mmCIF file of all heavy atoms, coordinates in Angstrom:
data_MODEL
# 
_entry.id   MODEL 
# 
loop_
_atom_site.group_PDB 
_atom_site.id 
_atom_site.type_symbol 
_atom_site.label_atom_id 
_atom_site.label_alt_id 
_atom_site.label_comp_id 
_atom_site.label_asym_id 
_atom_site.label_entity_id 
_atom_site.label_seq_id 
_atom_site.pdbx_PDB_ins_code 
_atom_site.Cartn_x 
_atom_site.Cartn_y 
_atom_site.Cartn_z 
_atom_site.occupancy 
_atom_site.B_iso_or_equiv 
_atom_site.pdbx_formal_charge 
_atom_site.auth_seq_id 
_atom_site.auth_comp_id 
_atom_site.auth_asym_id 
_atom_site.auth_atom_id 
_atom_site.pdbx_PDB_model_num 
ATOM 1   N N   . LEU A 1 1  ? 19.712 14.711 3.426  1.00 0.00 ? 1  LEU A N   1 
ATOM 2   C CA  . LEU A 1 1  ? 18.860 13.754 4.131  1.00 0.00 ? 1  LEU A CA  1 
ATOM 3   C C   . LEU A 1 1  ? 17.442 13.771 3.574  1.00 0.00 ? 1  LEU A C   1 
ATOM 4   O O   . LEU A 1 1  ? 16.755 12.743 3.568  1.00 0.00 ? 1  LEU A O   1 
ATOM 5   C CB  . LEU A 1 1  ? 18.845 14.072 5.622  1.00 0.00 ? 1  LEU A CB  1 
ATOM 6   C CG  . LEU A 1 1  ? 20.134 13.718 6.371  1.00 0.00 ? 1  LEU A CG  1 
ATOM 7   C CD1 . LEU A 1 1  ? 20.143 14.352 7.754  1.00 0.00 ? 1  LEU A CD1 1 
ATOM 8   C CD2 . LEU A 1 1  ? 20.291 12.199 6.487  1.00 0.00 ? 1  LEU A CD2 1 
ATOM 9   N N   . GLY A 1 2  ? 16.997 14.921 3.094  1.00 0.00 ? 2  GLY A N   1 
ATOM 10  C CA  . GLY A 1 2  ? 15.671 14.999 2.489  1.00 0.00 ? 2  GLY A CA  1 
ATOM 11  C C   . GLY A 1 2  ? 15.533 14.097 1.279  1.00 0.00 ? 2  GLY A C   1 
ATOM 12  O O   . GLY A 1 2  ? 14.492 13.456 1.079  1.00 0.00 ? 2  GLY A O   1 
ATOM 13  N N   . HIS A 1 3  ? 16.586 14.022 0.447  1.00 0.00 ? 3  HIS A N   1 
ATOM 14  C CA  . HIS A 1 3  ? 16.555 13.120 -0.712 1.00 0.00 ? 3  HIS A CA  1 
ATOM 15  C C   . HIS A 1 3  ? 16.393 11.671 -0.259 1.00 0.00 ? 3  HIS A C   1 
ATOM 16  O O   . HIS A 1 3  ? 15.604 10.907 -0.831 1.00 0.00 ? 3  HIS A O   1 
ATOM 17  C CB  . HIS A 1 3  ? 17.839 13.261 -1.530 1.00 0.00 ? 3  HIS A CB  1 
ATOM 18  C CG  . HIS A 1 3  ? 17.901 14.495 -2.368 1.00 0.00 ? 3  HIS A CG  1 
ATOM 19  N ND1 . HIS A 1 3  ? 17.121 14.654 -3.491 1.00 0.00 ? 3  HIS A ND1 1 
ATOM 20  C CD2 . HIS A 1 3  ? 18.643 15.624 -2.257 1.00 0.00 ? 3  HIS A CD2 1 
ATOM 21  C CE1 . HIS A 1 3  ? 17.372 15.836 -4.041 1.00 0.00 ? 3  HIS A CE1 1 
ATOM 22  N NE2 . HIS A 1 3  ? 18.292 16.443 -3.310 1.00 0.00 ? 3  HIS A NE2 1 
ATOM 23  N N   . LEU A 1 4  ? 17.140 11.280 0.757  1.00 0.00 ? 4  LEU A N   1 
ATOM 24  C CA  . LEU A 1 4  ? 17.108 9.900  1.236  1.00 0.00 ? 4  LEU A CA  1 
ATOM 25  C C   . LEU A 1 4  ? 15.741 9.547  1.822  1.00 0.00 ? 4  LEU A C   1 
ATOM 26  O O   . LEU A 1 4  ? 15.157 8.504  1.493  1.00 0.00 ? 4  LEU A O   1 
ATOM 27  C CB  . LEU A 1 4  ? 18.206 9.690  2.284  1.00 0.00 ? 4  LEU A CB  1 
ATOM 28  C CG  . LEU A 1 4  ? 18.343 8.268  2.811  1.00 0.00 ? 4  LEU A CG  1 
ATOM 29  C CD1 . LEU A 1 4  ? 19.005 7.389  1.769  1.00 0.00 ? 4  LEU A CD1 1 
ATOM 30  C CD2 . LEU A 1 4  ? 19.147 8.244  4.105  1.00 0.00 ? 4  LEU A CD2 1 
ATOM 31  N N   . LEU A 1 5  ? 15.224 10.408 2.689  1.00 0.00 ? 5  LEU A N   1 
ATOM 32  C CA  . LEU A 1 5  ? 13.955 10.100 3.348  1.00 0.00 ? 5  LEU A CA  1 
ATOM 33  C C   . LEU A 1 5  ? 12.793 10.119 2.351  1.00 0.00 ? 5  LEU A C   1 
ATOM 34  O O   . LEU A 1 5  ? 11.837 9.348  2.499  1.00 0.00 ? 5  LEU A O   1 
ATOM 35  C CB  . LEU A 1 5  ? 13.699 11.092 4.484  1.00 0.00 ? 5  LEU A CB  1 
ATOM 36  C CG  . LEU A 1 5  ? 14.727 11.097 5.627  1.00 0.00 ? 5  LEU A CG  1 
ATOM 37  C CD1 . LEU A 1 5  ? 14.207 11.900 6.804  1.00 0.00 ? 5  LEU A CD1 1 
ATOM 38  C CD2 . LEU A 1 5  ? 15.087 9.685  6.076  1.00 0.00 ? 5  LEU A CD2 1 
ATOM 39  N N   . SER A 1 6  ? 12.864 10.976 1.349  1.00 0.00 ? 6  SER A N   1 
ATOM 40  C CA  . SER A 1 6  ? 11.821 10.971 0.324  1.00 0.00 ? 6  SER A CA  1 
ATOM 41  C C   . SER A 1 6  ? 11.787 9.635  -0.405 1.00 0.00 ? 6  SER A C   1 
ATOM 42  O O   . SER A 1 6  ? 10.711 9.066  -0.648 1.00 0.00 ? 6  SER A O   1 
ATOM 43  C CB  . SER A 1 6  ? 12.057 12.102 -0.683 1.00 0.00 ? 6  SER A CB  1 
ATOM 44  O OG  . SER A 1 6  ? 11.806 13.358 -0.101 1.00 0.00 ? 6  SER A OG  1 
ATOM 45  N N   . ARG A 1 7  ? 12.968 9.103  -0.762 1.00 0.00 ? 7  ARG A N   1 
ATOM 46  C CA  . ARG A 1 7  ? 13.008 7.796  -1.443 1.00 0.00 ? 7  ARG A CA  1 
ATOM 47  C C   . ARG A 1 7  ? 12.441 6.707  -0.535 1.00 0.00 ? 7  ARG A C   1 
ATOM 48  O O   . ARG A 1 7  ? 11.764 5.791  -1.011 1.00 0.00 ? 7  ARG A O   1 
ATOM 49  C CB  . ARG A 1 7  ? 14.447 7.439  -1.822 1.00 0.00 ? 7  ARG A CB  1 
ATOM 50  C CG  . ARG A 1 7  ? 15.094 8.270  -2.917 1.00 0.00 ? 7  ARG A CG  1 
ATOM 51  C CD  . ARG A 1 7  ? 14.338 8.232  -4.227 1.00 0.00 ? 7  ARG A CD  1 
ATOM 52  N NE  . ARG A 1 7  ? 15.128 8.569  -5.383 1.00 0.00 ? 7  ARG A NE  1 
ATOM 53  C CZ  . ARG A 1 7  ? 15.622 9.765  -5.668 1.00 0.00 ? 7  ARG A CZ  1 
ATOM 54  N NH1 . ARG A 1 7  ? 15.434 10.768 -4.822 1.00 0.00 ? 7  ARG A NH1 1 
ATOM 55  N NH2 . ARG A 1 7  ? 16.306 9.982  -6.772 1.00 0.00 ? 7  ARG A NH2 1 
ATOM 56  N N   . ALA A 1 8  ? 12.731 6.794  0.758  1.00 0.00 ? 8  ALA A N   1 
ATOM 57  C CA  . ALA A 1 8  ? 12.214 5.787  1.689  1.00 0.00 ? 8  ALA A CA  1 
ATOM 58  C C   . ALA A 1 8  ? 10.685 5.826  1.722  1.00 0.00 ? 8  ALA A C   1 
ATOM 59  O O   . ALA A 1 8  ? 10.025 4.777  1.753  1.00 0.00 ? 8  ALA A O   1 
ATOM 60  C CB  . ALA A 1 8  ? 12.777 6.027  3.080  1.00 0.00 ? 8  ALA A CB  1 
ATOM 61  N N   . ILE A 1 9  ? 10.110 7.021  1.705  1.00 0.00 ? 9  ILE A N   1 
ATOM 62  C CA  . ILE A 1 9  ? 8.652  7.131  1.700  1.00 0.00 ? 9  ILE A CA  1 
ATOM 63  C C   . ILE A 1 9  ? 8.082  6.665  0.360  1.00 0.00 ? 9  ILE A C   1 
ATOM 64  O O   . ILE A 1 9  ? 7.043  5.996  0.311  1.00 0.00 ? 9  ILE A O   1 
ATOM 65  C CB  . ILE A 1 9  ? 8.229  8.573  2.017  1.00 0.00 ? 9  ILE A CB  1 
ATOM 66  C CG1 . ILE A 1 9  ? 8.734  8.977  3.413  1.00 0.00 ? 9  ILE A CG1 1 
ATOM 67  C CG2 . ILE A 1 9  ? 6.712  8.720  1.967  1.00 0.00 ? 9  ILE A CG2 1 
ATOM 68  C CD1 . ILE A 1 9  ? 8.572  10.446 3.738  1.00 0.00 ? 9  ILE A CD1 1 
ATOM 69  N N   . TYR A 1 10 ? 8.758  7.009  -0.755 1.00 0.00 ? 10 TYR A N   1 
ATOM 70  C CA  . TYR A 1 10 ? 8.316  6.524  -2.061 1.00 0.00 ? 10 TYR A CA  1 
ATOM 71  C C   . TYR A 1 10 ? 8.269  4.992  -2.088 1.00 0.00 ? 10 TYR A C   1 
ATOM 72  O O   . TYR A 1 10 ? 7.395  4.404  -2.731 1.00 0.00 ? 10 TYR A O   1 
ATOM 73  C CB  . TYR A 1 10 ? 9.270  6.982  -3.172 1.00 0.00 ? 10 TYR A CB  1 
ATOM 74  C CG  . TYR A 1 10 ? 9.270  8.464  -3.444 1.00 0.00 ? 10 TYR A CG  1 
ATOM 75  C CD1 . TYR A 1 10 ? 10.427 9.085  -3.922 1.00 0.00 ? 10 TYR A CD1 1 
ATOM 76  C CD2 . TYR A 1 10 ? 8.145  9.245  -3.245 1.00 0.00 ? 10 TYR A CD2 1 
ATOM 77  C CE1 . TYR A 1 10 ? 10.458 10.438 -4.176 1.00 0.00 ? 10 TYR A CE1 1 
ATOM 78  C CE2 . TYR A 1 10 ? 8.161  10.604 -3.502 1.00 0.00 ? 10 TYR A CE2 1 
ATOM 79  C CZ  . TYR A 1 10 ? 9.321  11.203 -3.969 1.00 0.00 ? 10 TYR A CZ  1 
ATOM 80  O OH  . TYR A 1 10 ? 9.352  12.539 -4.234 1.00 0.00 ? 10 TYR A OH  1 
ATOM 81  N N   . ALA A 1 11 ? 9.223  4.353  -1.415 1.00 0.00 ? 11 ALA A N   1 
ATOM 82  C CA  . ALA A 1 11 ? 9.277  2.892  -1.413 1.00 0.00 ? 11 ALA A CA  1 
ATOM 83  C C   . ALA A 1 11 ? 8.035  2.275  -0.792 1.00 0.00 ? 11 ALA A C   1 
ATOM 84  O O   . ALA A 1 11 ? 7.712  1.119  -1.074 1.00 0.00 ? 11 ALA A O   1 
ATOM 85  C CB  . ALA A 1 11 ? 10.526 2.412  -0.663 1.00 0.00 ? 11 ALA A CB  1 
ATOM 86  N N   . THR A 1 12 ? 7.322  3.045  0.038  1.00 0.00 ? 12 THR A N   1 
ATOM 87  C CA  . THR A 1 12 ? 6.074  2.549  0.637  1.00 0.00 ? 12 THR A CA  1 
ATOM 88  C C   . THR A 1 12 ? 4.866  2.864  -0.241 1.00 0.00 ? 12 THR A C   1 
ATOM 89  O O   . THR A 1 12 ? 3.728  2.797  0.222  1.00 0.00 ? 12 THR A O   1 
ATOM 90  C CB  . THR A 1 12 ? 5.865  3.159  2.036  1.00 0.00 ? 12 THR A CB  1 
ATOM 91  O OG1 . THR A 1 12 ? 5.597  4.558  1.912  1.00 0.00 ? 12 THR A OG1 1 
ATOM 92  C CG2 . THR A 1 12 ? 7.081  2.950  2.916  1.00 0.00 ? 12 THR A CG2 1 
ATOM 93  N N   . HIS A 1 13 ? 5.122  3.235  -1.498 1.00 0.00 ? 13 HIS A N   1 
ATOM 94  C CA  . HIS A 1 13 ? 4.078  3.539  -2.472 1.00 0.00 ? 13 HIS A CA  1 
ATOM 95  C C   . HIS A 1 13 ? 3.203  4.700  -2.021 1.00 0.00 ? 13 HIS A C   1 
ATOM 96  O O   . HIS A 1 13 ? 1.974  4.665  -2.106 1.00 0.00 ? 13 HIS A O   1 
ATOM 97  C CB  . HIS A 1 13 ? 3.197  2.307  -2.741 1.00 0.00 ? 13 HIS A CB  1 
ATOM 98  C CG  . HIS A 1 13 ? 3.894  1.225  -3.503 1.00 0.00 ? 13 HIS A CG  1 
ATOM 99  N ND1 . HIS A 1 13 ? 3.282  0.484  -4.483 1.00 0.00 ? 13 HIS A ND1 1 
ATOM 100 C CD2 . HIS A 1 13 ? 5.160  0.753  -3.431 1.00 0.00 ? 13 HIS A CD2 1 
ATOM 101 C CE1 . HIS A 1 13 ? 4.140  -0.396 -4.987 1.00 0.00 ? 13 HIS A CE1 1 
ATOM 102 N NE2 . HIS A 1 13 ? 5.295  -0.243 -4.355 1.00 0.00 ? 13 HIS A NE2 1 
ATOM 103 N N   . HIS A 1 14 ? 3.857  5.743  -1.564 1.00 0.00 ? 14 HIS A N   1 
ATOM 104 C CA  . HIS A 1 14 ? 3.129  6.931  -1.134 1.00 0.00 ? 14 HIS A CA  1 
ATOM 105 C C   . HIS A 1 14 ? 3.845  8.172  -1.647 1.00 0.00 ? 14 HIS A C   1 
ATOM 106 O O   . HIS A 1 14 ? 5.068  8.268  -1.555 1.00 0.00 ? 14 HIS A O   1 
ATOM 107 C CB  . HIS A 1 14 ? 3.017  6.985  0.393  1.00 0.00 ? 14 HIS A CB  1 
ATOM 108 C CG  . HIS A 1 14 ? 1.766  7.660  0.854  1.00 0.00 ? 14 HIS A CG  1 
ATOM 109 N ND1 . HIS A 1 14 ? 1.565  9.012  0.722  1.00 0.00 ? 14 HIS A ND1 1 
ATOM 110 C CD2 . HIS A 1 14 ? 0.642  7.172  1.421  1.00 0.00 ? 14 HIS A CD2 1 
ATOM 111 C CE1 . HIS A 1 14 ? 0.367  9.320  1.205  1.00 0.00 ? 14 HIS A CE1 1 
ATOM 112 N NE2 . HIS A 1 14 ? -0.210 8.228  1.637  1.00 0.00 ? 14 HIS A NE2 1 
ATOM 113 N N   . THR A 1 15 ? 3.076  9.123  -2.172 1.00 0.00 ? 15 THR A N   1 
ATOM 114 C CA  . THR A 1 15 ? 3.677  10.325 -2.742 1.00 0.00 ? 15 THR A CA  1 
ATOM 115 C C   . THR A 1 15 ? 3.027  11.623 -2.263 1.00 0.00 ? 15 THR A C   1 
ATOM 116 O O   . THR A 1 15 ? 3.441  12.707 -2.673 1.00 0.00 ? 15 THR A O   1 
ATOM 117 C CB  . THR A 1 15 ? 3.589  10.290 -4.283 1.00 0.00 ? 15 THR A CB  1 
ATOM 118 O OG1 . THR A 1 15 ? 2.224  10.138 -4.670 1.00 0.00 ? 15 THR A OG1 1 
ATOM 119 C CG2 . THR A 1 15 ? 4.412  9.158  -4.862 1.00 0.00 ? 15 THR A CG2 1 
ATOM 120 N N   . ILE A 1 16 ? 2.012  11.534 -1.404 1.00 0.00 ? 16 ILE A N   1 
ATOM 121 C CA  . ILE A 1 16 ? 1.282  12.736 -1.007 1.00 0.00 ? 16 ILE A CA  1 
ATOM 122 C C   . ILE A 1 16 ? 1.990  13.494 0.104  1.00 0.00 ? 16 ILE A C   1 
ATOM 123 O O   . ILE A 1 16 ? 2.121  14.724 0.063  1.00 0.00 ? 16 ILE A O   1 
ATOM 124 C CB  . ILE A 1 16 ? -0.155 12.377 -0.578 1.00 0.00 ? 16 ILE A CB  1 
ATOM 125 C CG1 . ILE A 1 16 ? -0.936 11.838 -1.779 1.00 0.00 ? 16 ILE A CG1 1 
ATOM 126 C CG2 . ILE A 1 16 ? -0.865 13.605 0.002  1.00 0.00 ? 16 ILE A CG2 1 
ATOM 127 C CD1 . ILE A 1 16 ? -2.340 11.390 -1.452 1.00 0.00 ? 16 ILE A CD1 1 
ATOM 128 N N   . TYR A 1 17 ? 2.467  12.772 1.113  1.00 0.00 ? 17 TYR A N   1 
ATOM 129 C CA  . TYR A 1 17 ? 3.057  13.461 2.266  1.00 0.00 ? 17 TYR A CA  1 
ATOM 130 C C   . TYR A 1 17 ? 4.303  14.261 1.891  1.00 0.00 ? 17 TYR A C   1 
ATOM 131 O O   . TYR A 1 17 ? 4.577  15.314 2.468  1.00 0.00 ? 17 TYR A O   1 
ATOM 132 C CB  . TYR A 1 17 ? 3.394  12.449 3.371  1.00 0.00 ? 17 TYR A CB  1 
ATOM 133 C CG  . TYR A 1 17 ? 2.189  11.819 4.017  1.00 0.00 ? 17 TYR A CG  1 
ATOM 134 C CD1 . TYR A 1 17 ? 2.127  10.441 4.222  1.00 0.00 ? 17 TYR A CD1 1 
ATOM 135 C CD2 . TYR A 1 17 ? 1.097  12.583 4.405  1.00 0.00 ? 17 TYR A CD2 1 
ATOM 136 C CE1 . TYR A 1 17 ? 1.021  9.848  4.819  1.00 0.00 ? 17 TYR A CE1 1 
ATOM 137 C CE2 . TYR A 1 17 ? -0.019 11.993 4.998  1.00 0.00 ? 17 TYR A CE2 1 
ATOM 138 C CZ  . TYR A 1 17 ? -0.047 10.625 5.206  1.00 0.00 ? 17 TYR A CZ  1 
ATOM 139 O OH  . TYR A 1 17 ? -1.134 10.043 5.791  1.00 0.00 ? 17 TYR A OH  1 
ATOM 140 N N   . GLN A 1 18 ? 5.079  13.742 0.927  1.00 0.00 ? 18 GLN A N   1 
ATOM 141 C CA  . GLN A 1 18 ? 6.262  14.495 0.496  1.00 0.00 ? 18 GLN A CA  1 
ATOM 142 C C   . GLN A 1 18 ? 5.872  15.833 -0.115 1.00 0.00 ? 18 GLN A C   1 
ATOM 143 O O   . GLN A 1 18 ? 6.594  16.816 -0.008 1.00 0.00 ? 18 GLN A O   1 
ATOM 144 C CB  . GLN A 1 18 ? 7.077  13.691 -0.526 1.00 0.00 ? 18 GLN A CB  1 
ATOM 145 C CG  . GLN A 1 18 ? 7.618  12.391 0.017  1.00 0.00 ? 18 GLN A CG  1 
ATOM 146 C CD  . GLN A 1 18 ? 6.686  11.232 -0.302 1.00 0.00 ? 18 GLN A CD  1 
ATOM 147 O OE1 . GLN A 1 18 ? 5.478  11.325 -0.130 1.00 0.00 ? 18 GLN A OE1 1 
ATOM 148 N NE2 . GLN A 1 18 ? 7.245  10.136 -0.757 1.00 0.00 ? 18 GLN A NE2 1 
ATOM 149 N N   . VAL A 1 19 ? 4.719  15.859 -0.782 1.00 0.00 ? 19 VAL A N   1 
ATOM 150 C CA  . VAL A 1 19 ? 4.225  17.102 -1.363 1.00 0.00 ? 19 VAL A CA  1 
ATOM 151 C C   . VAL A 1 19 ? 3.967  18.130 -0.275 1.00 0.00 ? 19 VAL A C   1 
ATOM 152 O O   . VAL A 1 19 ? 4.364  19.290 -0.373 1.00 0.00 ? 19 VAL A O   1 
ATOM 153 C CB  . VAL A 1 19 ? 2.937  16.847 -2.175 1.00 0.00 ? 19 VAL A CB  1 
ATOM 154 C CG1 . VAL A 1 19 ? 2.358  18.166 -2.680 1.00 0.00 ? 19 VAL A CG1 1 
ATOM 155 C CG2 . VAL A 1 19 ? 3.211  15.911 -3.330 1.00 0.00 ? 19 VAL A CG2 1 
ATOM 156 N N   . VAL A 1 20 ? 3.306  17.682 0.772  1.00 0.00 ? 20 VAL A N   1 
ATOM 157 C CA  . VAL A 1 20 ? 2.994  18.589 1.886  1.00 0.00 ? 20 VAL A CA  1 
ATOM 158 C C   . VAL A 1 20 ? 4.277  19.123 2.517  1.00 0.00 ? 20 VAL A C   1 
ATOM 159 O O   . VAL A 1 20 ? 4.410  20.325 2.774  1.00 0.00 ? 20 VAL A O   1 
ATOM 160 C CB  . VAL A 1 20 ? 2.133  17.869 2.941  1.00 0.00 ? 20 VAL A CB  1 
ATOM 161 C CG1 . VAL A 1 20 ? 1.884  18.782 4.141  1.00 0.00 ? 20 VAL A CG1 1 
ATOM 162 C CG2 . VAL A 1 20 ? 0.806  17.424 2.337  1.00 0.00 ? 20 VAL A CG2 1 
ATOM 163 N N   . ALA A 1 21 ? 5.243  18.227 2.748  1.00 0.00 ? 21 ALA A N   1 
ATOM 164 C CA  . ALA A 1 21 ? 6.511  18.654 3.349  1.00 0.00 ? 21 ALA A CA  1 
ATOM 165 C C   . ALA A 1 21 ? 7.234  19.652 2.458  1.00 0.00 ? 21 ALA A C   1 
ATOM 166 O O   . ALA A 1 21 ? 7.782  20.660 2.937  1.00 0.00 ? 21 ALA A O   1 
ATOM 167 C CB  . ALA A 1 21 ? 7.398  17.434 3.608  1.00 0.00 ? 21 ALA A CB  1 
ATOM 168 N N   . SER A 1 22 ? 7.238  19.391 1.151  1.00 0.00 ? 22 SER A N   1 
ATOM 169 C CA  . SER A 1 22 ? 7.913  20.287 0.213  1.00 0.00 ? 22 SER A CA  1 
ATOM 170 C C   . SER A 1 22 ? 7.235  21.652 0.150  1.00 0.00 ? 22 SER A C   1 
ATOM 171 O O   . SER A 1 22 ? 7.892  22.688 0.080  1.00 0.00 ? 22 SER A O   1 
ATOM 172 C CB  . SER A 1 22 ? 7.962  19.658 -1.184 1.00 0.00 ? 22 SER A CB  1 
ATOM 173 O OG  . SER A 1 22 ? 8.729  18.475 -1.176 1.00 0.00 ? 22 SER A OG  1 
ATOM 174 N N   . LEU A 1 23 ? 5.915  21.661 0.172  1.00 0.00 ? 23 LEU A N   1 
ATOM 175 C CA  . LEU A 1 23 ? 5.184  22.926 0.137  1.00 0.00 ? 23 LEU A CA  1 
ATOM 176 C C   . LEU A 1 23 ? 5.438  23.752 1.393  1.00 0.00 ? 23 LEU A C   1 
ATOM 177 O O   . LEU A 1 23 ? 5.570  24.979 1.333  1.00 0.00 ? 23 LEU A O   1 
ATOM 178 C CB  . LEU A 1 23 ? 3.685  22.664 -0.029 1.00 0.00 ? 23 LEU A CB  1 
ATOM 179 C CG  . LEU A 1 23 ? 3.245  22.158 -1.404 1.00 0.00 ? 23 LEU A CG  1 
ATOM 180 C CD1 . LEU A 1 23 ? 1.766  21.767 -1.382 1.00 0.00 ? 23 LEU A CD1 1 
ATOM 181 C CD2 . LEU A 1 23 ? 3.495  23.212 -2.480 1.00 0.00 ? 23 LEU A CD2 1 
ATOM 182 N N   . ILE A 1 24 ? 5.512  23.088 2.531  1.00 0.00 ? 24 ILE A N   1 
ATOM 183 C CA  . ILE A 1 24 ? 5.815  23.800 3.771  1.00 0.00 ? 24 ILE A CA  1 
ATOM 184 C C   . ILE A 1 24 ? 7.210  24.416 3.696  1.00 0.00 ? 24 ILE A C   1 
ATOM 185 O O   . ILE A 1 24 ? 7.413  25.594 4.034  1.00 0.00 ? 24 ILE A O   1 
ATOM 186 C CB  . ILE A 1 24 ? 5.707  22.847 4.984  1.00 0.00 ? 24 ILE A CB  1 
ATOM 187 C CG1 . ILE A 1 24 ? 4.253  22.420 5.193  1.00 0.00 ? 24 ILE A CG1 1 
ATOM 188 C CG2 . ILE A 1 24 ? 6.246  23.516 6.248  1.00 0.00 ? 24 ILE A CG2 1 
ATOM 189 C CD1 . ILE A 1 24 ? 4.072  21.340 6.236  1.00 0.00 ? 24 ILE A CD1 1 
ATOM 190 N N   . GLY A 1 25 ? 8.186  23.619 3.246  1.00 0.00 ? 25 GLY A N   1 
ATOM 191 C CA  . GLY A 1 25 ? 9.547  24.145 3.111  1.00 0.00 ? 25 GLY A CA  1 
ATOM 192 C C   . GLY A 1 25 ? 9.627  25.290 2.120  1.00 0.00 ? 25 GLY A C   1 
ATOM 193 O O   . GLY A 1 25 ? 10.336 26.282 2.349  1.00 0.00 ? 25 GLY A O   1 
ATOM 194 N N   . PHE A 1 26 ? 8.892  25.180 1.030  1.00 0.00 ? 26 PHE A N   1 
ATOM 195 C CA  . PHE A 1 26 ? 8.857  26.241 0.015  1.00 0.00 ? 26 PHE A CA  1 
ATOM 196 C C   . PHE A 1 26 ? 8.309  27.540 0.606  1.00 0.00 ? 26 PHE A C   1 
ATOM 197 O O   . PHE A 1 26 ? 8.833  28.635 0.375  1.00 0.00 ? 26 PHE A O   1 
ATOM 198 C CB  . PHE A 1 26 ? 8.002  25.773 -1.161 1.00 0.00 ? 26 PHE A CB  1 
ATOM 199 C CG  . PHE A 1 26 ? 7.902  26.756 -2.296 1.00 0.00 ? 26 PHE A CG  1 
ATOM 200 C CD1 . PHE A 1 26 ? 9.032  27.293 -2.887 1.00 0.00 ? 26 PHE A CD1 1 
ATOM 201 C CD2 . PHE A 1 26 ? 6.658  27.137 -2.782 1.00 0.00 ? 26 PHE A CD2 1 
ATOM 202 C CE1 . PHE A 1 26 ? 8.936  28.188 -3.948 1.00 0.00 ? 26 PHE A CE1 1 
ATOM 203 C CE2 . PHE A 1 26 ? 6.544  28.030 -3.842 1.00 0.00 ? 26 PHE A CE2 1 
ATOM 204 C CZ  . PHE A 1 26 ? 7.691  28.558 -4.424 1.00 0.00 ? 26 PHE A CZ  1 
# 
């Protein structure tokens, strides 16, 4: 589901929030 939701956010021309989510998970 993370792959799918990341693509959905990318479609809105945004790439910063995914970074924050990934860093938290890491």
